[in-house]
Amino acid sequence: MTYRILTALLGFLLVVSPVWADGGPWNFLMQLPVNDAGITIDRPIAIAIDEENKRYYVVDAVGGTLISFDSDGKHLAAFNAGGELKQPVAMAKGLRGMLWVIERSTNQLFYVNPKEQEVRKFPLSYPDGSLIFPARLAVDSQGRLLVLDRMRGAVVRLDDNLKVEQSFVGGQGSKGFVDFKVRKDGLWALDGLAGKVYRFAEDGTSSVVALETRLEFPVSLEIDDAGQLYVLDRHAGSVAVFGPRGDFRFDFLGRGKRHGRLWYPSQLLFDWEGRLCVVDEGNNRVDIFSR
């Protein structure tokens, strides 16, 4: 009787329990660059995607290049805007194939035409003349540019003349935003040190989610279609997943240098198929995971 009960219980667990790799329902799919690509990335610090053409762009801060890959991880090109890029730290694809790039060495925003190798440079400032120190950026569905100011910890939305038309800041006790994502349901911003995620709706209203578990050093945020919050912990080398109300669900990966481990990672991003891209700065690669 005991044997039958144990057998039935084991069968039940095998049916209802998900197969998780490294503590989460994600499996390693590929890395950028692949081992036999013949190229290296000196310091990958950010990733951007081109949903229309299904391409990845990896930002190499030390090599001063934007490196593109197709959906299978095949290397396509390395681009440095005719040597103008020295320390790029973020990129977003704009309208008509143009690229927006943050250049840390001059604290400027570059508007790049890849075909013509043409670069236009813009310093950014607030209406009072104080400088914006851009760290991350995104383009929304209306083609508007949003930039994270790393000094103030605020996200600003720019008009067509690259002037600030709206600022998004945290509430009382905020420590400043460290990352943000633009989705159909609004702007989501991570206040890592305060352990909170803010959502700003298009109508101007905002809400805040307090994360149930404090992390060591949160640096990046993503949100899946179910409303789950993914937070990248740079020091722990892990990804923590929270429910829509901030309840802790699970974490996966971990600190290390082998596959399935991260060494000072810097960014999370979902691609056009819902695959999770993790920029692993310390290991000089981008790891891509699928469910």
C-alpha atoms as a PDB file:
ATOM      1  CA  MET A   1       0.000   0.000   0.000  1.00  0.00           C
ATOM      2  CA  THR A   2       2.800   2.401   0.951  1.00  0.00           C
ATOM      3  CA  TYR A   3       4.621   1.698  -2.327  1.00  0.00           C
ATOM      4  CA  ARG A   4       1.464   2.450  -4.315  1.00  0.00           C
ATOM      5  CA  ILE A   5       0.901   5.723  -2.468  1.00  0.00           C
ATOM      6  CA  LEU A   6       4.488   6.856  -3.049  1.00  0.00           C
ATOM      7  CA  THR A   7       4.294   5.914  -6.725  1.00  0.00           C
ATOM      8  CA  ALA A   8       1.032   7.832  -7.156  1.00  0.00           C
ATOM      9  CA  LEU A   9       2.466  10.860  -5.349  1.00  0.00           C
ATOM     10  CA  LEU A  10       5.602  10.849  -7.503  1.00  0.00           C
ATOM     11  CA  GLY A  11       3.479  10.679 -10.641  1.00  0.00           C
ATOM     12  CA  PHE A  12       1.402  13.608  -9.443  1.00  0.00           C
ATOM     13  CA  LEU A  13       4.484  15.737  -8.761  1.00  0.00           C
ATOM     14  CA  LEU A  14       5.934  14.981 -12.172  1.00  0.00           C
ATOM     15  CA  VAL A  15       2.712  16.118 -13.806  1.00  0.00           C
ATOM     16  CA  VAL A  16       2.097  19.311 -11.878  1.00  0.00           C
ATOM     17  CA  SER A  17       5.660  20.478 -11.172  1.00  0.00           C
ATOM     18  CA  PRO A  18       7.350  22.666 -13.800  1.00  0.00           C
ATOM     19  CA  VAL A  19      10.847  21.845 -14.963  1.00  0.00           C
ATOM     20  CA  TRP A  20      12.943  24.762 -13.797  1.00  0.00           C
ATOM     21  CA  ALA A  21      16.554  25.498 -14.680  1.00  0.00           C
ATOM     22  CA  ASP A  22      18.607  27.212 -11.988  1.00  0.00           C
ATOM     23  CA  GLY A  23      15.529  27.899  -9.877  1.00  0.00           C
ATOM     24  CA  GLY A  24      13.267  29.444 -12.533  1.00  0.00           C
ATOM     25  CA  PRO A  25      11.119  28.423 -15.507  1.00  0.00           C
ATOM     26  CA  TRP A  26      13.703  29.564 -18.033  1.00  0.00           C
ATOM     27  CA  ASN A  27      16.193  27.612 -20.115  1.00  0.00           C
ATOM     28  CA  PHE A  28      19.390  28.894 -21.675  1.00  0.00           C
ATOM     29  CA  LEU A  29      18.913  29.355 -25.417  1.00  0.00           C
ATOM     30  CA  MET A  30      22.037  31.079 -26.759  1.00  0.00           C
ATOM     31  CA  GLN A  31      24.600  33.726 -26.086  1.00  0.00           C
ATOM     32  CA  LEU A  32      25.741  36.784 -28.001  1.00  0.00           C
ATOM     33  CA  PRO A  33      28.244  36.457 -29.476  1.00  0.00           C
ATOM     34  CA  VAL A  34      28.244  32.698 -30.042  1.00  0.00           C
ATOM     35  CA  ASN A  35      31.538  30.990 -29.369  1.00  0.00           C
ATOM     36  CA  ASP A  36      32.470  30.534 -33.031  1.00  0.00           C
ATOM     37  CA  ALA A  37      31.400  34.018 -34.190  1.00  0.00           C
ATOM     38  CA  GLY A  38      34.995  35.220 -34.486  1.00  0.00           C
ATOM     39  CA  ILE A  39      34.279  38.432 -32.569  1.00  0.00           C
ATOM     40  CA  THR A  40      34.471  39.512 -28.958  1.00  0.00           C
ATOM     41  CA  ILE A  41      32.683  42.151 -26.922  1.00  0.00           C
ATOM     42  CA  ASP A  42      34.955  44.076 -24.596  1.00  0.00           C
ATOM     43  CA  ARG A  43      32.270  45.320 -22.212  1.00  0.00           C
ATOM     44  CA  PRO A  44      28.626  44.728 -23.108  1.00  0.00           C
ATOM     45  CA  ILE A  45      26.614  47.176 -21.083  1.00  0.00           C
ATOM     46  CA  ALA A  46      23.227  47.349 -22.808  1.00  0.00           C
ATOM     47  CA  ILE A  47      21.065  45.703 -25.440  1.00  0.00           C
ATOM     48  CA  ALA A  48      18.373  47.018 -27.767  1.00  0.00           C
ATOM     49  CA  ILE A  49      16.109  45.217 -30.189  1.00  0.00           C
ATOM     50  CA  ASP A  50      14.702  45.898 -33.631  1.00  0.00           C
ATOM     51  CA  GLU A  51      11.324  44.171 -33.560  1.00  0.00           C
ATOM     52  CA  GLU A  52      10.564  44.894 -37.208  1.00  0.00           C
ATOM     53  CA  ASN A  53      13.740  43.269 -38.552  1.00  0.00           C
ATOM     54  CA  LYS A  54      14.207  40.886 -35.613  1.00  0.00           C
ATOM     55  CA  ARG A  55      17.704  42.006 -34.690  1.00  0.00           C
ATOM     56  CA  TYR A  56      19.651  42.495 -31.506  1.00  0.00           C
ATOM     57  CA  TYR A  57      22.001  45.425 -30.919  1.00  0.00           C
ATOM     58  CA  VAL A  58      24.613  45.013 -28.211  1.00  0.00           C
ATOM     59  CA  VAL A  59      26.274  48.170 -26.885  1.00  0.00           C
ATOM     60  CA  ASP A  60      30.004  47.724 -26.214  1.00  0.00           C
ATOM     61  CA  ALA A  61      31.085  50.522 -23.884  1.00  0.00           C
ATOM     62  CA  VAL A  62      34.833  49.828 -24.058  1.00  0.00           C
ATOM     63  CA  GLY A  63      35.033  48.900 -27.730  1.00  0.00           C
ATOM     64  CA  GLY A  64      32.923  51.912 -28.662  1.00  0.00           C
ATOM     65  CA  THR A  65      30.704  49.926 -31.008  1.00  0.00           C
ATOM     66  CA  LEU A  66      27.145  48.809 -31.629  1.00  0.00           C
ATOM     67  CA  ILE A  67      27.167  45.148 -32.642  1.00  0.00           C
ATOM     68  CA  SER A  68      24.157  43.656 -34.416  1.00  0.00           C
ATOM     69  CA  PHE A  69      22.987  40.031 -34.504  1.00  0.00           C
ATOM     70  CA  ASP A  70      20.092  38.291 -36.215  1.00  0.00           C
ATOM     71  CA  SER A  71      17.394  36.289 -34.405  1.00  0.00           C
ATOM     72  CA  ASP A  72      19.596  33.164 -34.423  1.00  0.00           C
ATOM     73  CA  GLY A  73      22.564  34.982 -32.913  1.00  0.00           C
ATOM     74  CA  LYS A  74      24.503  35.318 -36.173  1.00  0.00           C
ATOM     75  CA  HIS A  75      26.801  38.331 -36.172  1.00  0.00           C
ATOM     76  CA  LEU A  76      25.767  40.902 -38.772  1.00  0.00           C
ATOM     77  CA  ALA A  77      27.853  44.047 -38.327  1.00  0.00           C
ATOM     78  CA  ALA A  78      29.858  46.219 -35.947  1.00  0.00           C
ATOM     79  CA  PHE A  79      29.201  49.940 -36.147  1.00  0.00           C
ATOM     80  CA  ASN A  80      31.057  52.848 -34.511  1.00  0.00           C
ATOM     81  CA  ALA A  81      29.627  55.809 -36.453  1.00  0.00           C
ATOM     82  CA  GLY A  82      32.884  56.548 -38.209  1.00  0.00           C
ATOM     83  CA  GLY A  83      34.814  56.518 -34.950  1.00  0.00           C
ATOM     84  CA  GLU A  84      32.467  58.999 -33.238  1.00  0.00           C
ATOM     85  CA  LEU A  85      31.410  56.491 -30.581  1.00  0.00           C
ATOM     86  CA  LYS A  86      33.875  56.334 -27.704  1.00  0.00           C
ATOM     87  CA  GLN A  87      31.864  55.119 -24.714  1.00  0.00           C
ATOM     88  CA  PRO A  88      28.290  54.322 -25.706  1.00  0.00           C
ATOM     89  CA  VAL A  89      26.160  53.081 -22.809  1.00  0.00           C
ATOM     90  CA  ALA A  90      22.627  52.763 -24.209  1.00  0.00           C
ATOM     91  CA  MET A  91      20.783  52.650 -27.511  1.00  0.00           C
ATOM     92  CA  ALA A  92      17.236  52.738 -28.868  1.00  0.00           C
ATOM     93  CA  LYS A  93      15.929  52.394 -32.392  1.00  0.00           C
ATOM     94  CA  GLY A  94      14.024  55.434 -33.592  1.00  0.00           C
ATOM     95  CA  LEU A  95      11.861  56.106 -36.607  1.00  0.00           C
ATOM     96  CA  ARG A  96      12.987  55.409 -40.182  1.00  0.00           C
ATOM     97  CA  GLY A  97      15.865  53.200 -39.051  1.00  0.00           C
ATOM     98  CA  MET A  98      17.665  55.923 -37.130  1.00  0.00           C
ATOM     99  CA  LEU A  99      19.428  55.155 -33.860  1.00  0.00           C
ATOM    100  CA  TRP A 100      19.550  57.101 -30.613  1.00  0.00           C
ATOM    101  CA  VAL A 101      22.732  56.472 -28.612  1.00  0.00           C
ATOM    102  CA  ILE A 102      23.902  57.797 -25.250  1.00  0.00           C
ATOM    103  CA  GLU A 103      27.593  58.716 -25.394  1.00  0.00           C
ATOM    104  CA  ARG A 104      28.976  58.774 -21.848  1.00  0.00           C
ATOM    105  CA  SER A 105      32.360  60.361 -22.691  1.00  0.00           C
ATOM    106  CA  THR A 106      30.722  63.644 -23.720  1.00  0.00           C
ATOM    107  CA  ASN A 107      27.446  63.225 -21.835  1.00  0.00           C
ATOM    108  CA  GLN A 108      25.513  63.691 -25.069  1.00  0.00           C
ATOM    109  CA  LEU A 109      22.714  62.106 -27.021  1.00  0.00           C
ATOM    110  CA  PHE A 110      23.716  60.991 -30.525  1.00  0.00           C
ATOM    111  CA  TYR A 111      21.269  60.733 -33.405  1.00  0.00           C
ATOM    112  CA  VAL A 112      22.807  58.293 -35.836  1.00  0.00           C
ATOM    113  CA  ASN A 113      22.071  57.484 -39.462  1.00  0.00           C
ATOM    114  CA  PRO A 114      23.767  54.078 -39.940  1.00  0.00           C
ATOM    115  CA  LYS A 115      23.550  54.094 -43.722  1.00  0.00           C
ATOM    116  CA  GLU A 116      25.216  57.475 -44.116  1.00  0.00           C
ATOM    117  CA  GLN A 117      27.499  57.150 -41.079  1.00  0.00           C
ATOM    118  CA  GLU A 118      26.108  60.535 -40.077  1.00  0.00           C
ATOM    119  CA  VAL A 119      25.999  61.614 -36.426  1.00  0.00           C
ATOM    120  CA  ARG A 120      24.235  64.562 -34.838  1.00  0.00           C
ATOM    121  CA  LYS A 121      25.092  65.389 -31.228  1.00  0.00           C
ATOM    122  CA  PHE A 122      22.795  66.923 -28.643  1.00  0.00           C
ATOM    123  CA  PRO A 123      23.457  67.959 -25.040  1.00  0.00           C
ATOM    124  CA  LEU A 124      20.355  67.648 -22.881  1.00  0.00           C
ATOM    125  CA  SER A 125      19.175  70.051 -20.212  1.00  0.00           C
ATOM    126  CA  TYR A 126      16.187  70.956 -18.077  1.00  0.00           C
ATOM    127  CA  PRO A 127      14.228  74.190 -18.621  1.00  0.00           C
ATOM    128  CA  ASP A 128      16.294  75.861 -15.872  1.00  0.00           C
ATOM    129  CA  GLY A 129      19.496  75.100 -17.793  1.00  0.00           C
ATOM    130  CA  SER A 130      20.803  72.330 -15.521  1.00  0.00           C
ATOM    131  CA  LEU A 131      22.244  69.353 -17.350  1.00  0.00           C
ATOM    132  CA  ILE A 132      20.648  65.972 -17.832  1.00  0.00           C
ATOM    133  CA  PHE A 133      23.053  63.065 -17.429  1.00  0.00           C
ATOM    134  CA  PRO A 134      21.481  60.373 -19.632  1.00  0.00           C
ATOM    135  CA  ALA A 135      21.896  56.732 -18.611  1.00  0.00           C
ATOM    136  CA  ARG A 136      19.102  54.775 -20.342  1.00  0.00           C
ATOM    137  CA  LEU A 137      16.634  55.606 -23.065  1.00  0.00           C
ATOM    138  CA  ALA A 138      13.593  54.317 -24.913  1.00  0.00           C
ATOM    139  CA  VAL A 139      11.274  55.324 -27.742  1.00  0.00           C
ATOM    140  CA  ASP A 140       7.543  54.913 -27.138  1.00  0.00           C
ATOM    141  CA  SER A 141       4.870  53.882 -29.640  1.00  0.00           C
ATOM    142  CA  GLN A 142       4.362  57.508 -30.654  1.00  0.00           C
ATOM    143  CA  GLY A 143       8.036  57.988 -31.431  1.00  0.00           C
ATOM    144  CA  ARG A 144       8.674  60.083 -28.315  1.00  0.00           C
ATOM    145  CA  LEU A 145      12.072  59.795 -26.648  1.00  0.00           C
ATOM    146  CA  LEU A 146      12.398  59.082 -22.929  1.00  0.00           C
ATOM    147  CA  VAL A 147      15.673  59.338 -21.019  1.00  0.00           C
ATOM    148  CA  LEU A 148      16.760  58.366 -17.518  1.00  0.00           C
ATOM    149  CA  ASP A 149      18.784  61.075 -15.770  1.00  0.00           C
ATOM    150  CA  ARG A 150      21.249  59.183 -13.603  1.00  0.00           C
ATOM    151  CA  MET A 151      21.998  62.212 -11.405  1.00  0.00           C
ATOM    152  CA  ARG A 152      18.421  63.032 -10.420  1.00  0.00           C
ATOM    153  CA  GLY A 153      17.079  59.505 -10.741  1.00  0.00           C
ATOM    154  CA  ALA A 154      14.225  60.813 -12.872  1.00  0.00           C
ATOM    155  CA  VAL A 155      12.828  59.825 -16.254  1.00  0.00           C
ATOM    156  CA  VAL A 156      12.152  62.680 -18.653  1.00  0.00           C
ATOM    157  CA  ARG A 157      10.133  62.662 -21.844  1.00  0.00           C
ATOM    158  CA  LEU A 158      11.429  64.892 -24.626  1.00  0.00           C
ATOM    159  CA  ASP A 159       9.535  66.705 -27.345  1.00  0.00           C
ATOM    160  CA  ASP A 160      10.525  66.889 -31.020  1.00  0.00           C
ATOM    161  CA  ASN A 161      13.092  69.570 -30.171  1.00  0.00           C
ATOM    162  CA  LEU A 162      14.604  67.407 -27.419  1.00  0.00           C
ATOM    163  CA  LYS A 163      13.240  69.705 -24.739  1.00  0.00           C
ATOM    164  CA  VAL A 164      11.795  68.271 -21.532  1.00  0.00           C
ATOM    165  CA  GLU A 165       8.010  68.106 -21.763  1.00  0.00           C
ATOM    166  CA  GLN A 166       7.373  65.880 -18.743  1.00  0.00           C
ATOM    167  CA  SER A 167       9.329  64.483 -15.791  1.00  0.00           C
ATOM    168  CA  PHE A 168       8.568  61.286 -13.884  1.00  0.00           C
ATOM    169  CA  VAL A 169       9.865  61.066 -10.319  1.00  0.00           C
ATOM    170  CA  GLY A 170       9.259  58.850  -7.312  1.00  0.00           C
ATOM    171  CA  GLY A 171       7.169  59.786  -4.312  1.00  0.00           C
ATOM    172  CA  GLN A 172       8.145  60.488  -0.735  1.00  0.00           C
ATOM    173  CA  GLY A 173      11.119  58.408   0.353  1.00  0.00           C
ATOM    174  CA  SER A 174      12.192  57.671  -3.222  1.00  0.00           C
ATOM    175  CA  LYS A 175      15.878  56.945  -3.757  1.00  0.00           C
ATOM    176  CA  GLY A 176      15.753  57.634  -7.478  1.00  0.00           C
ATOM    177  CA  PHE A 177      15.057  55.485 -10.518  1.00  0.00           C
ATOM    178  CA  VAL A 178      17.759  53.209 -11.921  1.00  0.00           C
ATOM    179  CA  ASP A 179      15.879  51.758 -14.899  1.00  0.00           C
ATOM    180  CA  PHE A 180      12.576  52.050 -16.728  1.00  0.00           C
ATOM    181  CA  LYS A 181      10.534  50.340 -19.423  1.00  0.00           C
ATOM    182  CA  VAL A 182       7.838  51.748 -21.699  1.00  0.00           C
ATOM    183  CA  ARG A 183       4.806  49.518 -22.261  1.00  0.00           C
ATOM    184  CA  LYS A 184       1.310  49.900 -23.675  1.00  0.00           C
ATOM    185  CA  ASP A 185      -0.061  50.384 -20.163  1.00  0.00           C
ATOM    186  CA  GLY A 186       2.387  53.136 -19.240  1.00  0.00           C
ATOM    187  CA  LEU A 187       5.872  53.887 -18.015  1.00  0.00           C
ATOM    188  CA  TRP A 188       7.335  51.514 -15.424  1.00  0.00           C
ATOM    189  CA  ALA A 189      10.316  52.663 -13.347  1.00  0.00           C
ATOM    190  CA  LEU A 190      12.482  50.838 -10.806  1.00  0.00           C
ATOM    191  CA  ASP A 191      13.486  52.546  -7.573  1.00  0.00           C
ATOM    192  CA  GLY A 192      16.027  49.897  -6.671  1.00  0.00           C
ATOM    193  CA  LEU A 193      17.305  51.184  -3.335  1.00  0.00           C
ATOM    194  CA  ALA A 194      13.783  51.794  -2.049  1.00  0.00           C
ATOM    195  CA  GLY A 195      12.606  48.400  -3.324  1.00  0.00           C
ATOM    196  CA  LYS A 196       9.693  49.857  -5.282  1.00  0.00           C
ATOM    197  CA  VAL A 197       8.353  49.850  -8.832  1.00  0.00           C
ATOM    198  CA  TYR A 198       6.315  52.809 -10.086  1.00  0.00           C
ATOM    199  CA  ARG A 199       3.826  52.824 -12.949  1.00  0.00           C
ATOM    200  CA  PHE A 200       2.872  56.089 -14.628  1.00  0.00           C
ATOM    201  CA  ALA A 201      -0.216  55.890 -16.814  1.00  0.00           C
ATOM    202  CA  GLU A 202      -0.769  58.036 -19.909  1.00  0.00           C
ATOM    203  CA  ASP A 203      -3.433  60.068 -18.090  1.00  0.00           C
ATOM    204  CA  GLY A 204      -0.857  61.180 -15.523  1.00  0.00           C
ATOM    205  CA  THR A 205      -1.914  58.955 -12.664  1.00  0.00           C
ATOM    206  CA  SER A 206       0.665  56.803 -10.918  1.00  0.00           C
ATOM    207  CA  SER A 207       0.784  53.766  -8.664  1.00  0.00           C
ATOM    208  CA  VAL A 208       3.543  52.066  -6.733  1.00  0.00           C
ATOM    209  CA  VAL A 209       4.346  48.433  -5.962  1.00  0.00           C
ATOM    210  CA  ALA A 210       6.538  47.595  -2.978  1.00  0.00           C
ATOM    211  CA  LEU A 211       8.702  44.537  -3.594  1.00  0.00           C
ATOM    212  CA  GLU A 212       8.300  41.902  -0.896  1.00  0.00           C
ATOM    213  CA  THR A 213      11.969  40.909  -0.819  1.00  0.00           C
ATOM    214  CA  ARG A 214      14.850  43.361  -0.677  1.00  0.00           C
ATOM    215  CA  LEU A 215      17.670  42.695  -3.121  1.00  0.00           C
ATOM    216  CA  GLU A 216      21.368  43.485  -2.834  1.00  0.00           C
ATOM    217  CA  PHE A 217      21.769  45.911  -5.738  1.00  0.00           C
ATOM    218  CA  PRO A 218      18.835  46.082  -8.190  1.00  0.00           C
ATOM    219  CA  VAL A 219      19.768  47.664 -11.530  1.00  0.00           C
ATOM    220  CA  SER A 220      17.240  46.676 -14.188  1.00  0.00           C
ATOM    221  CA  LEU A 221      13.539  45.975 -14.612  1.00  0.00           C
ATOM    222  CA  GLU A 222      11.302  44.068 -17.015  1.00  0.00           C
ATOM    223  CA  ILE A 223       7.591  43.212 -17.017  1.00  0.00           C
ATOM    224  CA  ASP A 224       6.035  40.191 -18.726  1.00  0.00           C
ATOM    225  CA  ASP A 225       2.571  39.898 -20.259  1.00  0.00           C
ATOM    226  CA  ALA A 226       1.175  38.490 -17.016  1.00  0.00           C
ATOM    227  CA  GLY A 227       2.292  41.583 -15.112  1.00  0.00           C
ATOM    228  CA  GLN A 228       5.136  39.832 -13.303  1.00  0.00           C
ATOM    229  CA  LEU A 229       8.073  42.066 -12.395  1.00  0.00           C
ATOM    230  CA  TYR A 230      11.597  40.896 -13.211  1.00  0.00           C
ATOM    231  CA  VAL A 231      14.374  42.637 -11.297  1.00  0.00           C
ATOM    232  CA  LEU A 232      18.070  42.119 -12.018  1.00  0.00           C
ATOM    233  CA  ASP A 233      20.341  42.064  -8.974  1.00  0.00           C
ATOM    234  CA  ARG A 234      23.834  43.103 -10.098  1.00  0.00           C
ATOM    235  CA  HIS A 235      25.714  41.970  -6.998  1.00  0.00           C
ATOM    236  CA  ALA A 236      23.887  38.664  -6.492  1.00  0.00           C
ATOM    237  CA  GLY A 237      23.981  37.902 -10.225  1.00  0.00           C
ATOM    238  CA  SER A 238      20.368  36.785 -10.150  1.00  0.00           C
ATOM    239  CA  VAL A 239      16.952  37.651 -11.531  1.00  0.00           C
ATOM    240  CA  ALA A 240      14.150  37.950  -8.967  1.00  0.00           C
ATOM    241  CA  VAL A 241      10.550  37.595 -10.123  1.00  0.00           C
ATOM    242  CA  PHE A 242       7.643  39.261  -8.318  1.00  0.00           C
ATOM    243  CA  GLY A 243       3.899  39.136  -8.810  1.00  0.00           C
ATOM    244  CA  PRO A 244       1.942  42.224  -9.907  1.00  0.00           C
ATOM    245  CA  ARG A 245       1.475  43.180  -6.245  1.00  0.00           C
ATOM    246  CA  GLY A 246       5.138  42.767  -5.378  1.00  0.00           C
ATOM    247  CA  ASP A 247       4.862  39.293  -3.867  1.00  0.00           C
ATOM    248  CA  PHE A 248       8.072  37.326  -4.335  1.00  0.00           C
ATOM    249  CA  ARG A 249       7.659  34.357  -6.704  1.00  0.00           C
ATOM    250  CA  PHE A 250      11.145  32.941  -7.341  1.00  0.00           C
ATOM    251  CA  ASP A 251      14.631  33.849  -8.457  1.00  0.00           C
ATOM    252  CA  PHE A 252      17.018  32.188 -10.874  1.00  0.00           C
ATOM    253  CA  LEU A 253      20.599  32.268 -12.158  1.00  0.00           C
ATOM    254  CA  GLY A 254      23.256  33.364  -9.676  1.00  0.00           C
ATOM    255  CA  ARG A 255      26.722  34.808  -9.289  1.00  0.00           C
ATOM    256  CA  GLY A 256      29.472  33.086 -11.272  1.00  0.00           C
ATOM    257  CA  LYS A 257      31.228  32.754 -14.603  1.00  0.00           C
ATOM    258  CA  ARG A 258      29.865  29.564 -16.125  1.00  0.00           C
ATOM    259  CA  HIS A 259      26.717  29.418 -18.222  1.00  0.00           C
ATOM    260  CA  GLY A 260      23.638  29.934 -16.143  1.00  0.00           C
ATOM    261  CA  ARG A 261      25.571  32.325 -13.911  1.00  0.00           C
ATOM    262  CA  LEU A 262      26.097  36.076 -14.084  1.00  0.00           C
ATOM    263  CA  TRP A 263      29.035  38.300 -13.207  1.00  0.00           C
ATOM    264  CA  TYR A 264      27.990  41.919 -12.598  1.00  0.00           C
ATOM    265  CA  PRO A 265      25.075  41.927 -15.059  1.00  0.00           C
ATOM    266  CA  SER A 266      23.648  45.267 -16.159  1.00  0.00           C
ATOM    267  CA  GLN A 267      20.335  44.955 -18.003  1.00  0.00           C
ATOM    268  CA  LEU A 268      17.211  42.888 -18.704  1.00  0.00           C
ATOM    269  CA  LEU A 269      15.150  43.049 -21.882  1.00  0.00           C
ATOM    270  CA  PHE A 270      12.429  40.914 -23.462  1.00  0.00           C
ATOM    271  CA  ASP A 271      12.740  40.415 -27.215  1.00  0.00           C
ATOM    272  CA  TRP A 272       9.978  40.131 -29.845  1.00  0.00           C
ATOM    273  CA  GLU A 273       9.291  36.490 -28.891  1.00  0.00           C
ATOM    274  CA  GLY A 274       9.217  37.044 -25.149  1.00  0.00           C
ATOM    275  CA  ARG A 275      12.713  35.641 -24.654  1.00  0.00           C
ATOM    276  CA  LEU A 276      14.655  37.151 -21.783  1.00  0.00           C
ATOM    277  CA  CYS A 277      17.956  38.836 -22.678  1.00  0.00           C
ATOM    278  CA  VAL A 278      20.415  39.382 -19.831  1.00  0.00           C
ATOM    279  CA  VAL A 279      23.425  41.617 -20.422  1.00  0.00           C
ATOM    280  CA  ASP A 280      26.244  39.901 -18.516  1.00  0.00           C
ATOM    281  CA  GLU A 281      28.795  42.687 -18.384  1.00  0.00           C
ATOM    282  CA  GLY A 282      31.412  40.885 -16.303  1.00  0.00           C
ATOM    283  CA  ASN A 283      31.349  37.774 -18.508  1.00  0.00           C
ATOM    284  CA  ASN A 284      31.488  39.785 -21.762  1.00  0.00           C
ATOM    285  CA  ARG A 285      28.319  38.305 -23.233  1.00  0.00           C
ATOM    286  CA  VAL A 286      24.559  38.517 -23.485  1.00  0.00           C
ATOM    287  CA  ASP A 287      22.660  35.414 -22.401  1.00  0.00           C
ATOM    288  CA  ILE A 288      19.233  34.727 -23.899  1.00  0.00           C
ATOM    289  CA  PHE A 289      16.717  32.482 -22.155  1.00  0.00           C
ATOM    290  CA  SER A 290      13.431  31.003 -23.331  1.00  0.00           C
ATOM    291  CA  ARG A 291      10.571  29.488 -21.365  1.00  0.00           C
END
